[in-house]
Amino acid sequence: SYSPQAILGAELIFKAVKNLELAAITKYVSKQYLDLTQNESRKLDA
């Protein structure tokens, strides 16, 4: 339980202007089961 099989992340950082930083951060987490029975009705969706 609470063990996603995939966690993916990406960060884009822009510093085109002096002293200014822009960043976009994306995170993906695959589905997780809420208990040890691996029942599809008791899970966290991706």
All heavy atoms as atom14 arrays in JSON, in Angstrom:
{
  "sequence": "SYSPQAILGAELIFKAVKNLELAAITKYVSKQYLDLTQNESRKLDA",
  "atom14_mask": [
    [1, 1, 1, 1, 1, 1, 0, 0, 0, 0, 0, 0, 0, 0],
    [1, 1, 1, 1, 1, 1, 1, 1, 1, 1, 1, 1, 0, 0],
    [1, 1, 1, 1, 1, 1, 0, 0, 0, 0, 0, 0, 0, 0],
    [1, 1, 1, 1, 1, 1, 1, 0, 0, 0, 0, 0, 0, 0],
    [1, 1, 1, 1, 1, 1, 1, 1, 1, 0, 0, 0, 0, 0],
    [1, 1, 1, 1, 1, 0, 0, 0, 0, 0, 0, 0, 0, 0],
    [1, 1, 1, 1, 1, 1, 1, 1, 0, 0, 0, 0, 0, 0],
    [1, 1, 1, 1, 1, 1, 1, 1, 0, 0, 0, 0, 0, 0],
    [1, 1, 1, 1, 0, 0, 0, 0, 0, 0, 0, 0, 0, 0],
    [1, 1, 1, 1, 1, 0, 0, 0, 0, 0, 0, 0, 0, 0],
    [1, 1, 1, 1, 1, 1, 1, 1, 1, 0, 0, 0, 0, 0],
    [1, 1, 1, 1, 1, 1, 1, 1, 0, 0, 0, 0, 0, 0],
    [1, 1, 1, 1, 1, 1, 1, 1, 0, 0, 0, 0, 0, 0],
    [1, 1, 1, 1, 1, 1, 1, 1, 1, 1, 1, 0, 0, 0],
    [1, 1, 1, 1, 1, 1, 1, 1, 1, 0, 0, 0, 0, 0],
    [1, 1, 1, 1, 1, 0, 0, 0, 0, 0, 0, 0, 0, 0],
    [1, 1, 1, 1, 1, 1, 1, 0, 0, 0, 0, 0, 0, 0],
    [1, 1, 1, 1, 1, 1, 1, 1, 1, 0, 0, 0, 0, 0],
    [1, 1, 1, 1, 1, 1, 1, 1, 0, 0, 0, 0, 0, 0],
    [1, 1, 1, 1, 1, 1, 1, 1, 0, 0, 0, 0, 0, 0],
    [1, 1, 1, 1, 1, 1, 1, 1, 1, 0, 0, 0, 0, 0],
    [1, 1, 1, 1, 1, 1, 1, 1, 0, 0, 0, 0, 0, 0],
    [1, 1, 1, 1, 1, 0, 0, 0, 0, 0, 0, 0, 0, 0],
    [1, 1, 1, 1, 1, 0, 0, 0, 0, 0, 0, 0, 0, 0],
    [1, 1, 1, 1, 1, 1, 1, 1, 0, 0, 0, 0, 0, 0],
    [1, 1, 1, 1, 1, 1, 1, 0, 0, 0, 0, 0, 0, 0],
    [1, 1, 1, 1, 1, 1, 1, 1, 1, 0, 0, 0, 0, 0],
    [1, 1, 1, 1, 1, 1, 1, 1, 1, 1, 1, 1, 0, 0],
    [1, 1, 1, 1, 1, 1, 1, 0, 0, 0, 0, 0, 0, 0],
    [1, 1, 1, 1, 1, 1, 0, 0, 0, 0, 0, 0, 0, 0],
    [1, 1, 1, 1, 1, 1, 1, 1, 1, 0, 0, 0, 0, 0],
    [1, 1, 1, 1, 1, 1, 1, 1, 1, 0, 0, 0, 0, 0],
    [1, 1, 1, 1, 1, 1, 1, 1, 1, 1, 1, 1, 0, 0],
    [1, 1, 1, 1, 1, 1, 1, 1, 0, 0, 0, 0, 0, 0],
    [1, 1, 1, 1, 1, 1, 1, 1, 0, 0, 0, 0, 0, 0],
    [1, 1, 1, 1, 1, 1, 1, 1, 0, 0, 0, 0, 0, 0],
    [1, 1, 1, 1, 1, 1, 1, 0, 0, 0, 0, 0, 0, 0],
    [1, 1, 1, 1, 1, 1, 1, 1, 1, 0, 0, 0, 0, 0],
    [1, 1, 1, 1, 1, 1, 1, 1, 0, 0, 0, 0, 0, 0],
    [1, 1, 1, 1, 1, 1, 1, 1, 1, 0, 0, 0, 0, 0],
    [1, 1, 1, 1, 1, 1, 0, 0, 0, 0, 0, 0, 0, 0],
    [1, 1, 1, 1, 1, 1, 1, 1, 1, 1, 1, 0, 0, 0],
    [1, 1, 1, 1, 1, 1, 1, 1, 1, 0, 0, 0, 0, 0],
    [1, 1, 1, 1, 1, 1, 1, 1, 0, 0, 0, 0, 0, 0],
    [1, 1, 1, 1, 1, 1, 1, 1, 0, 0, 0, 0, 0, 0],
    [1, 1, 1, 1, 1, 0, 0, 0, 0, 0, 0, 0, 0, 0]
  ],
  "atom14_positions": [
    [[0.83, -1.2, 0.0], [0.0, 0.0, 0.0], [0.87, 1.26, 0.0], [2.0, 1.26, 0.49], [-0.92, 0.01, 1.23], [-0.18, -0.19, 2.41], [0.0, 0.0, 0.0], [0.0, 0.0, 0.0], [0.0, 0.0, 0.0], [0.0, 0.0, 0.0], [0.0, 0.0, 0.0], [0.0, 0.0, 0.0], [0.0, 0.0, 0.0], [0.0, 0.0, 0.0]],
    [[0.33, 2.31, -0.59], [1.01, 3.62, -0.69], [2.36, 3.5, -1.4], [3.33, 4.16, -1.03], [1.21, 4.26, 0.69], [-0.07, 4.39, 1.47], [-0.36, 3.5, 2.51], [-0.98, 5.38, 1.17], [-1.54, 3.62, 3.23], [-2.16, 5.5, 1.89], [-2.44, 4.62, 2.92], [-3.61, 4.74, 3.62], [0.0, 0.0, 0.0], [0.0, 0.0, 0.0]],
    [[2.44, 2.65, -2.39], [3.7, 2.43, -3.11], [3.48, 2.57, -4.62], [3.26, 1.57, -5.32], [4.28, 1.04, -2.79], [4.59, 0.92, -1.42], [0.0, 0.0, 0.0], [0.0, 0.0, 0.0], [0.0, 0.0, 0.0], [0.0, 0.0, 0.0], [0.0, 0.0, 0.0], [0.0, 0.0, 0.0], [0.0, 0.0, 0.0], [0.0, 0.0, 0.0]],
    [[3.51, 3.79, -5.15], [3.36, 3.96, -6.59], [4.53, 3.33, -7.34], [5.67, 3.35, -6.86], [3.35, 5.48, -6.77], [4.09, 6.0, -5.58], [3.77, 5.06, -4.45], [0.0, 0.0, 0.0], [0.0, 0.0, 0.0], [0.0, 0.0, 0.0], [0.0, 0.0, 0.0], [0.0, 0.0, 0.0], [0.0, 0.0, 0.0], [0.0, 0.0, 0.0]],
    [[4.25, 2.76, -8.49], [5.31, 2.12, -9.26], [6.12, 3.12, -10.08], [7.19, 2.77, -10.59], [4.71, 1.04, -10.17], [4.13, -0.12, -9.39], [3.67, -1.26, -10.29], [3.34, -1.05, -11.45], [3.65, -2.47, -9.75], [0.0, 0.0, 0.0], [0.0, 0.0, 0.0], [0.0, 0.0, 0.0], [0.0, 0.0, 0.0], [0.0, 0.0, 0.0]],
    [[5.62, 4.33, -10.21], [6.37, 5.34, -10.96], [6.11, 6.73, -10.38], [4.97, 7.09, -10.11], [5.98, 5.32, -12.44], [0.0, 0.0, 0.0], [0.0, 0.0, 0.0], [0.0, 0.0, 0.0], [0.0, 0.0, 0.0], [0.0, 0.0, 0.0], [0.0, 0.0, 0.0], [0.0, 0.0, 0.0], [0.0, 0.0, 0.0], [0.0, 0.0, 0.0]],
    [[7.19, 7.46, -10.17], [7.12, 8.87, -9.8], [8.06, 9.61, -10.75], [9.26, 9.32, -10.8], [7.55, 9.12, -8.35], [6.66, 8.34, -7.38], [7.5, 10.61, -8.02], [7.1, 8.46, -5.92], [0.0, 0.0, 0.0], [0.0, 0.0, 0.0], [0.0, 0.0, 0.0], [0.0, 0.0, 0.0], [0.0, 0.0, 0.0], [0.0, 0.0, 0.0]],
    [[7.51, 10.54, -11.53], [8.28, 11.26, -12.53], [8.18, 12.75, -12.26], [7.12, 13.25, -11.86], [7.78, 10.96, -13.94], [7.59, 9.48, -14.31], [6.98, 9.37, -15.7], [8.9, 8.72, -14.23], [0.0, 0.0, 0.0], [0.0, 0.0, 0.0], [0.0, 0.0, 0.0], [0.0, 0.0, 0.0], [0.0, 0.0, 0.0], [0.0, 0.0, 0.0]],
    [[9.27, 13.46, -12.48], [9.26, 14.89, -12.27], [10.12, 15.61, -13.3], [11.1, 15.06, -13.81], [0.0, 0.0, 0.0], [0.0, 0.0, 0.0], [0.0, 0.0, 0.0], [0.0, 0.0, 0.0], [0.0, 0.0, 0.0], [0.0, 0.0, 0.0], [0.0, 0.0, 0.0], [0.0, 0.0, 0.0], [0.0, 0.0, 0.0], [0.0, 0.0, 0.0]],
    [[9.74, 16.84, -13.6], [10.52, 17.66, -14.53], [10.44, 19.1, -14.1], [9.42, 19.55, -13.56], [10.01, 17.5, -15.96], [0.0, 0.0, 0.0], [0.0, 0.0, 0.0], [0.0, 0.0, 0.0], [0.0, 0.0, 0.0], [0.0, 0.0, 0.0], [0.0, 0.0, 0.0], [0.0, 0.0, 0.0], [0.0, 0.0, 0.0], [0.0, 0.0, 0.0]],
    [[11.52, 19.83, -14.31], [11.57, 21.25, -13.94], [12.26, 22.03, -15.06], [13.37, 21.68, -15.48], [12.32, 21.43, -12.62], [12.34, 22.87, -12.13], [12.97, 22.99, -10.75], [13.49, 21.98, -10.22], [12.94, 24.1, -10.19], [0.0, 0.0, 0.0], [0.0, 0.0, 0.0], [0.0, 0.0, 0.0], [0.0, 0.0, 0.0], [0.0, 0.0, 0.0]],
    [[11.6, 23.06, -15.55], [12.15, 23.96, -16.56], [12.43, 25.3, -15.88], [11.53, 25.9, -15.29], [11.17, 24.16, -17.71], [10.65, 22.89, -18.41], [9.64, 23.26, -19.48], [11.81, 22.09, -19.0], [0.0, 0.0, 0.0], [0.0, 0.0, 0.0], [0.0, 0.0, 0.0], [0.0, 0.0, 0.0], [0.0, 0.0, 0.0], [0.0, 0.0, 0.0]],
    [[13.67, 25.76, -15.97], [14.08, 26.99, -15.29], [14.57, 28.0, -16.32], [15.46, 27.7, -17.12], [15.19, 26.7, -14.25], [14.72, 25.63, -13.25], [15.59, 27.97, -13.51], [15.81, 25.14, -12.34], [0.0, 0.0, 0.0], [0.0, 0.0, 0.0], [0.0, 0.0, 0.0], [0.0, 0.0, 0.0], [0.0, 0.0, 0.0], [0.0, 0.0, 0.0]],
    [[14.0, 29.19, -16.3], [14.36, 30.24, -17.23], [14.96, 31.42, -16.47], [14.39, 31.89, -15.48], [13.13, 30.71, -18.02], [12.44, 29.62, -18.79], [11.45, 28.86, -18.2], [12.79, 29.36, -20.1], [10.8, 27.86, -18.9], [12.16, 28.35, -20.82], [11.16, 27.6, -20.21], [0.0, 0.0, 0.0], [0.0, 0.0, 0.0], [0.0, 0.0, 0.0]],
    [[16.1, 31.91, -16.93], [16.77, 33.06, -16.32], [17.18, 34.04, -17.42], [18.33, 34.44, -17.5], [18.0, 32.6, -15.53], [17.68, 31.69, -14.35], [18.93, 31.29, -13.61], [18.62, 30.39, -12.43], [19.86, 29.96, -11.68], [0.0, 0.0, 0.0], [0.0, 0.0, 0.0], [0.0, 0.0, 0.0], [0.0, 0.0, 0.0], [0.0, 0.0, 0.0]],
    [[16.21, 34.44, -18.25], [16.5, 35.32, -19.38], [16.71, 36.76, -18.94], [17.33, 37.55, -19.66], [15.37, 35.25, -20.4], [0.0, 0.0, 0.0], [0.0, 0.0, 0.0], [0.0, 0.0, 0.0], [0.0, 0.0, 0.0], [0.0, 0.0, 0.0], [0.0, 0.0, 0.0], [0.0, 0.0, 0.0], [0.0, 0.0, 0.0], [0.0, 0.0, 0.0]],
    [[16.18, 37.13, -17.77], [16.33, 38.49, -17.24], [17.17, 38.43, -15.98], [17.01, 37.54, -15.15], [14.95, 39.1, -16.93], [15.11, 40.51, -16.34], [14.09, 39.15, -18.19], [0.0, 0.0, 0.0], [0.0, 0.0, 0.0], [0.0, 0.0, 0.0], [0.0, 0.0, 0.0], [0.0, 0.0, 0.0], [0.0, 0.0, 0.0], [0.0, 0.0, 0.0]],
    [[18.08, 39.35, -15.83], [18.99, 39.37, -14.69], [18.21, 39.39, -13.38], [17.25, 40.16, -13.22], [19.91, 40.59, -14.77], [20.95, 40.64, -13.67], [21.84, 41.86, -13.83], [22.9, 41.91, -12.71], [23.78, 43.11, -12.85], [0.0, 0.0, 0.0], [0.0, 0.0, 0.0], [0.0, 0.0, 0.0], [0.0, 0.0, 0.0], [0.0, 0.0, 0.0]],
    [[18.61, 38.51, -12.46], [18.04, 38.4, -11.11], [16.62, 37.83, -11.09], [16.02, 37.73, -10.02], [18.05, 39.74, -10.38], [19.44, 40.31, -10.2], [20.43, 39.58, -10.25], [19.54, 41.61, -10.01], [0.0, 0.0, 0.0], [0.0, 0.0, 0.0], [0.0, 0.0, 0.0], [0.0, 0.0, 0.0], [0.0, 0.0, 0.0], [0.0, 0.0, 0.0]],
    [[16.07, 37.51, -12.25], [14.72, 36.97, -12.31], [14.76, 35.51, -12.74], [15.43, 35.15, -13.7], [13.87, 37.76, -13.31], [12.43, 37.28, -13.52], [11.61, 37.49, -12.26], [11.79, 38.0, -14.7], [0.0, 0.0, 0.0], [0.0, 0.0, 0.0], [0.0, 0.0, 0.0], [0.0, 0.0, 0.0], [0.0, 0.0, 0.0], [0.0, 0.0, 0.0]],
    [[14.03, 34.66, -12.0], [13.98, 33.23, -12.32], [12.53, 32.8, -12.46], [11.7, 33.06, -11.58], [14.65, 32.41, -11.23], [14.61, 30.91, -11.46], [15.22, 30.12, -10.33], [16.46, 30.01, -10.28], [14.45, 29.61, -9.47], [0.0, 0.0, 0.0], [0.0, 0.0, 0.0], [0.0, 0.0, 0.0], [0.0, 0.0, 0.0], [0.0, 0.0, 0.0]],
    [[12.24, 32.12, -13.55], [10.93, 31.54, -13.78], [11.09, 30.03, -13.88], [12.02, 29.54, -14.53], [10.31, 32.07, -15.08], [10.14, 33.59, -15.21], [9.6, 33.93, -16.58], [9.21, 34.12, -14.13], [0.0, 0.0, 0.0], [0.0, 0.0, 0.0], [0.0, 0.0, 0.0], [0.0, 0.0, 0.0], [0.0, 0.0, 0.0], [0.0, 0.0, 0.0]],
    [[10.2, 29.3, -13.24], [10.31, 27.84, -13.26], [8.94, 27.2, -13.35], [7.97, 27.67, -12.74], [11.05, 27.34, -12.02], [0.0, 0.0, 0.0], [0.0, 0.0, 0.0], [0.0, 0.0, 0.0], [0.0, 0.0, 0.0], [0.0, 0.0, 0.0], [0.0, 0.0, 0.0], [0.0, 0.0, 0.0], [0.0, 0.0, 0.0], [0.0, 0.0, 0.0]],
    [[8.86, 26.13, -14.12], [7.66, 25.3, -14.21], [8.02, 23.9, -13.74], [9.01, 23.32, -14.2], [7.12, 25.26, -15.64], [0.0, 0.0, 0.0], [0.0, 0.0, 0.0], [0.0, 0.0, 0.0], [0.0, 0.0, 0.0], [0.0, 0.0, 0.0], [0.0, 0.0, 0.0], [0.0, 0.0, 0.0], [0.0, 0.0, 0.0], [0.0, 0.0, 0.0]],
    [[7.26, 23.38, -12.78], [7.57, 22.09, -12.16], [6.37, 21.16, -12.32], [5.25, 21.51, -11.92], [7.9, 22.25, -10.66], [9.01, 23.29, -10.47], [8.3, 20.93, -10.05], [8.53, 24.61, -9.96], [0.0, 0.0, 0.0], [0.0, 0.0, 0.0], [0.0, 0.0, 0.0], [0.0, 0.0, 0.0], [0.0, 0.0, 0.0], [0.0, 0.0, 0.0]],
    [[6.6, 20.0, -12.91], [5.54, 19.02, -13.12], [5.9, 17.71, -12.43], [7.06, 17.27, -12.48], [5.31, 18.76, -14.62], [4.82, 19.96, -15.23], [4.27, 17.67, -14.84], [0.0, 0.0, 0.0], [0.0, 0.0, 0.0], [0.0, 0.0, 0.0], [0.0, 0.0, 0.0], [0.0, 0.0, 0.0], [0.0, 0.0, 0.0], [0.0, 0.0, 0.0]],
    [[4.91, 17.09, -11.81], [5.13, 15.82, -11.11], [4.0, 14.85, -11.48], [2.82, 15.22, -11.49], [5.15, 16.04, -9.6], [5.37, 14.78, -8.78], [5.39, 15.08, -7.29], [5.65, 13.84, -6.46], [5.64, 14.15, -5.0], [0.0, 0.0, 0.0], [0.0, 0.0, 0.0], [0.0, 0.0, 0.0], [0.0, 0.0, 0.0], [0.0, 0.0, 0.0]],
    [[4.4, 13.61, -11.78], [3.44, 12.55, -12.06], [3.63, 11.42, -11.06], [4.76, 11.0, -10.78], [3.64, 12.0, -13.48], [2.89, 10.7, -13.72], [1.55, 10.69, -14.05], [3.56, 9.47, -13.6], [0.86, 9.51, -14.26], [2.88, 8.27, -13.81], [1.54, 8.29, -14.14], [0.87, 7.11, -14.33], [0.0, 0.0, 0.0], [0.0, 0.0, 0.0]],
    [[2.53, 10.93, -10.5], [2.56, 9.8, -9.57], [1.57, 8.76, -10.05], [0.39, 9.07, -10.28], [2.2, 10.25, -8.13], [2.23, 9.06, -7.17], [3.16, 11.34, -7.65], [0.0, 0.0, 0.0], [0.0, 0.0, 0.0], [0.0, 0.0, 0.0], [0.0, 0.0, 0.0], [0.0, 0.0, 0.0], [0.0, 0.0, 0.0], [0.0, 0.0, 0.0]],
    [[2.03, 7.53, -10.23], [1.14, 6.47, -10.71], [0.19, 6.03, -9.59], [0.3, 6.46, -8.44], [1.96, 5.28, -11.21], [2.68, 4.69, -10.15], [0.0, 0.0, 0.0], [0.0, 0.0, 0.0], [0.0, 0.0, 0.0], [0.0, 0.0, 0.0], [0.0, 0.0, 0.0], [0.0, 0.0, 0.0], [0.0, 0.0, 0.0], [0.0, 0.0, 0.0]],
    [[-0.73, 5.15, -9.92], [-1.76, 4.74, -8.96], [-1.14, 4.04, -7.75], [-0.06, 3.44, -7.83], [-2.78, 3.83, -9.63], [-2.26, 2.44, -9.95], [-3.36, 1.57, -10.54], [-2.86, 0.16, -10.85], [-3.9, -0.7, -11.43], [0.0, 0.0, 0.0], [0.0, 0.0, 0.0], [0.0, 0.0, 0.0], [0.0, 0.0, 0.0], [0.0, 0.0, 0.0]],
    [[-1.85, 4.15, -6.62], [-1.42, 3.51, -5.38], [-2.62, 2.82, -4.75], [-3.74, 3.33, -4.82], [-0.88, 4.55, -4.39], [0.2, 5.44, -4.93], [0.46, 6.62, -4.01], [0.86, 6.46, -2.85], [0.23, 7.82, -4.51], [0.0, 0.0, 0.0], [0.0, 0.0, 0.0], [0.0, 0.0, 0.0], [0.0, 0.0, 0.0], [0.0, 0.0, 0.0]],
    [[-2.37, 1.69, -4.13], [-3.45, 0.99, -3.43], [-3.5, 1.44, -1.98], [-2.47, 1.69, -1.34], [-3.26, -0.51, -3.53], [-3.45, -1.04, -4.93], [-2.34, -1.36, -5.72], [-4.72, -1.19, -5.48], [-2.51, -1.82, -7.02], [-4.89, -1.66, -6.77], [-3.78, -1.96, -7.53], [-3.95, -2.41, -8.81], [0.0, 0.0, 0.0], [0.0, 0.0, 0.0]],
    [[-4.72, 1.53, -1.45], [-4.92, 2.0, -0.08], [-4.78, 0.88, 0.95], [-4.7, 1.17, 2.14], [-6.29, 2.67, 0.07], [-6.44, 4.03, -0.62], [-7.87, 4.53, -0.46], [-5.46, 5.03, -0.04], [0.0, 0.0, 0.0], [0.0, 0.0, 0.0], [0.0, 0.0, 0.0], [0.0, 0.0, 0.0], [0.0, 0.0, 0.0], [0.0, 0.0, 0.0]],
    [[-4.78, -0.36, 0.51], [-4.55, -1.45, 1.45], [-3.76, -2.54, 0.75], [-3.31, -2.38, -0.39], [-5.86, -1.98, 2.05], [-6.79, -2.6, 1.01], [-6.34, -2.86, -0.13], [-7.97, -2.83, 1.33], [0.0, 0.0, 0.0], [0.0, 0.0, 0.0], [0.0, 0.0, 0.0], [0.0, 0.0, 0.0], [0.0, 0.0, 0.0], [0.0, 0.0, 0.0]],
    [[-3.59, -3.67, 1.41], [-2.72, -4.72, 0.89], [-3.46, -5.75, 0.04], [-2.88, -6.75, -0.35], [-2.04, -5.44, 2.07], [-1.06, -4.57, 2.88], [-0.62, -5.33, 4.13], [0.14, -4.19, 2.04], [0.0, 0.0, 0.0], [0.0, 0.0, 0.0], [0.0, 0.0, 0.0], [0.0, 0.0, 0.0], [0.0, 0.0, 0.0], [0.0, 0.0, 0.0]],
    [[-4.74, -5.5, -0.28], [-5.49, -6.48, -1.05], [-5.39, -6.22, -2.56], [-5.85, -7.03, -3.35], [-6.98, -6.46, -0.66], [-7.54, -5.19, -1.01], [-7.15, -6.72, 0.83], [0.0, 0.0, 0.0], [0.0, 0.0, 0.0], [0.0, 0.0, 0.0], [0.0, 0.0, 0.0], [0.0, 0.0, 0.0], [0.0, 0.0, 0.0], [0.0, 0.0, 0.0]],
    [[-4.81, -5.08, -2.95], [-4.67, -4.7, -4.36], [-6.04, -4.69, -5.04], [-6.19, -5.07, -6.2], [-3.7, -5.63, -5.09], [-3.12, -5.04, -6.37], [-1.91, -5.8, -6.86], [-0.96, -6.02, -6.12], [-1.92, -6.2, -8.12], [0.0, 0.0, 0.0], [0.0, 0.0, 0.0], [0.0, 0.0, 0.0], [0.0, 0.0, 0.0], [0.0, 0.0, 0.0]],
    [[-7.03, -4.19, -4.32], [-8.39, -4.09, -4.83], [-8.54, -2.77, -5.58], [-8.22, -1.71, -5.05], [-9.38, -4.18, -3.67], [-10.81, -4.34, -4.14], [-11.28, -3.6, -5.0], [-11.51, -5.3, -3.56], [0.0, 0.0, 0.0], [0.0, 0.0, 0.0], [0.0, 0.0, 0.0], [0.0, 0.0, 0.0], [0.0, 0.0, 0.0], [0.0, 0.0, 0.0]],
    [[-9.04, -2.83, -6.83], [-9.16, -1.64, -7.66], [-10.15, -0.63, -7.1], [-10.13, 0.55, -7.47], [-9.56, -2.02, -9.08], [-8.47, -2.76, -9.85], [-7.26, -1.87, -10.13], [-7.45, -0.69, -10.47], [-6.13, -2.37, -10.01], [0.0, 0.0, 0.0], [0.0, 0.0, 0.0], [0.0, 0.0, 0.0], [0.0, 0.0, 0.0], [0.0, 0.0, 0.0]],
    [[-11.05, -1.06, -6.23], [-12.01, -0.13, -5.65], [-11.44, 0.63, -4.46], [-12.09, 1.53, -3.93], [-13.28, -0.89, -5.21], [-12.98, -1.76, -4.12], [0.0, 0.0, 0.0], [0.0, 0.0, 0.0], [0.0, 0.0, 0.0], [0.0, 0.0, 0.0], [0.0, 0.0, 0.0], [0.0, 0.0, 0.0], [0.0, 0.0, 0.0], [0.0, 0.0, 0.0]],
    [[-10.23, 0.26, -4.03], [-9.59, 0.95, -2.91], [-8.19, 1.38, -3.34], [-7.19, 0.75, -2.99], [-9.53, 0.03, -1.68], [-10.9, -0.35, -1.16], [-10.84, -1.05, 0.18], [-10.3, -2.39, 0.09], [-11.02, -3.48, -0.18], [-12.31, -3.37, -0.45], [-10.46, -4.67, -0.23], [0.0, 0.0, 0.0], [0.0, 0.0, 0.0], [0.0, 0.0, 0.0]],
    [[-8.15, 2.43, -4.12], [-6.87, 2.9, -4.63], [-6.89, 4.41, -4.82], [-7.95, 5.05, -4.85], [-6.54, 2.22, -5.97], [-7.43, 2.68, -7.1], [-7.02, 2.06, -8.43], [-7.92, 2.58, -9.57], [-7.54, 2.02, -10.87], [0.0, 0.0, 0.0], [0.0, 0.0, 0.0], [0.0, 0.0, 0.0], [0.0, 0.0, 0.0], [0.0, 0.0, 0.0]],
    [[-5.7, 4.99, -4.95], [-5.53, 6.37, -5.35], [-5.21, 6.37, -6.83], [-4.25, 5.72, -7.26], [-4.39, 7.03, -4.57], [-4.59, 7.19, -3.06], [-3.27, 7.58, -2.4], [-5.65, 8.24, -2.77], [0.0, 0.0, 0.0], [0.0, 0.0, 0.0], [0.0, 0.0, 0.0], [0.0, 0.0, 0.0], [0.0, 0.0, 0.0], [0.0, 0.0, 0.0]],
    [[-5.98, 7.09, -7.61], [-5.73, 7.15, -9.05], [-4.43, 7.9, -9.32], [-3.99, 8.75, -8.54], [-6.88, 7.85, -9.77], [-8.14, 7.02, -9.79], [-8.02, 5.77, -9.83], [-9.24, 7.59, -9.74], [0.0, 0.0, 0.0], [0.0, 0.0, 0.0], [0.0, 0.0, 0.0], [0.0, 0.0, 0.0], [0.0, 0.0, 0.0], [0.0, 0.0, 0.0]],
    [[-3.82, 7.59, -10.46], [-2.63, 8.34, -10.89], [-3.0, 9.81, -11.09], [-4.13, 10.14, -11.43], [-2.09, 7.74, -12.19], [0.0, 0.0, 0.0], [0.0, 0.0, 0.0], [0.0, 0.0, 0.0], [0.0, 0.0, 0.0], [0.0, 0.0, 0.0], [0.0, 0.0, 0.0], [0.0, 0.0, 0.0], [0.0, 0.0, 0.0], [0.0, 0.0, 0.0]]
  ]
}
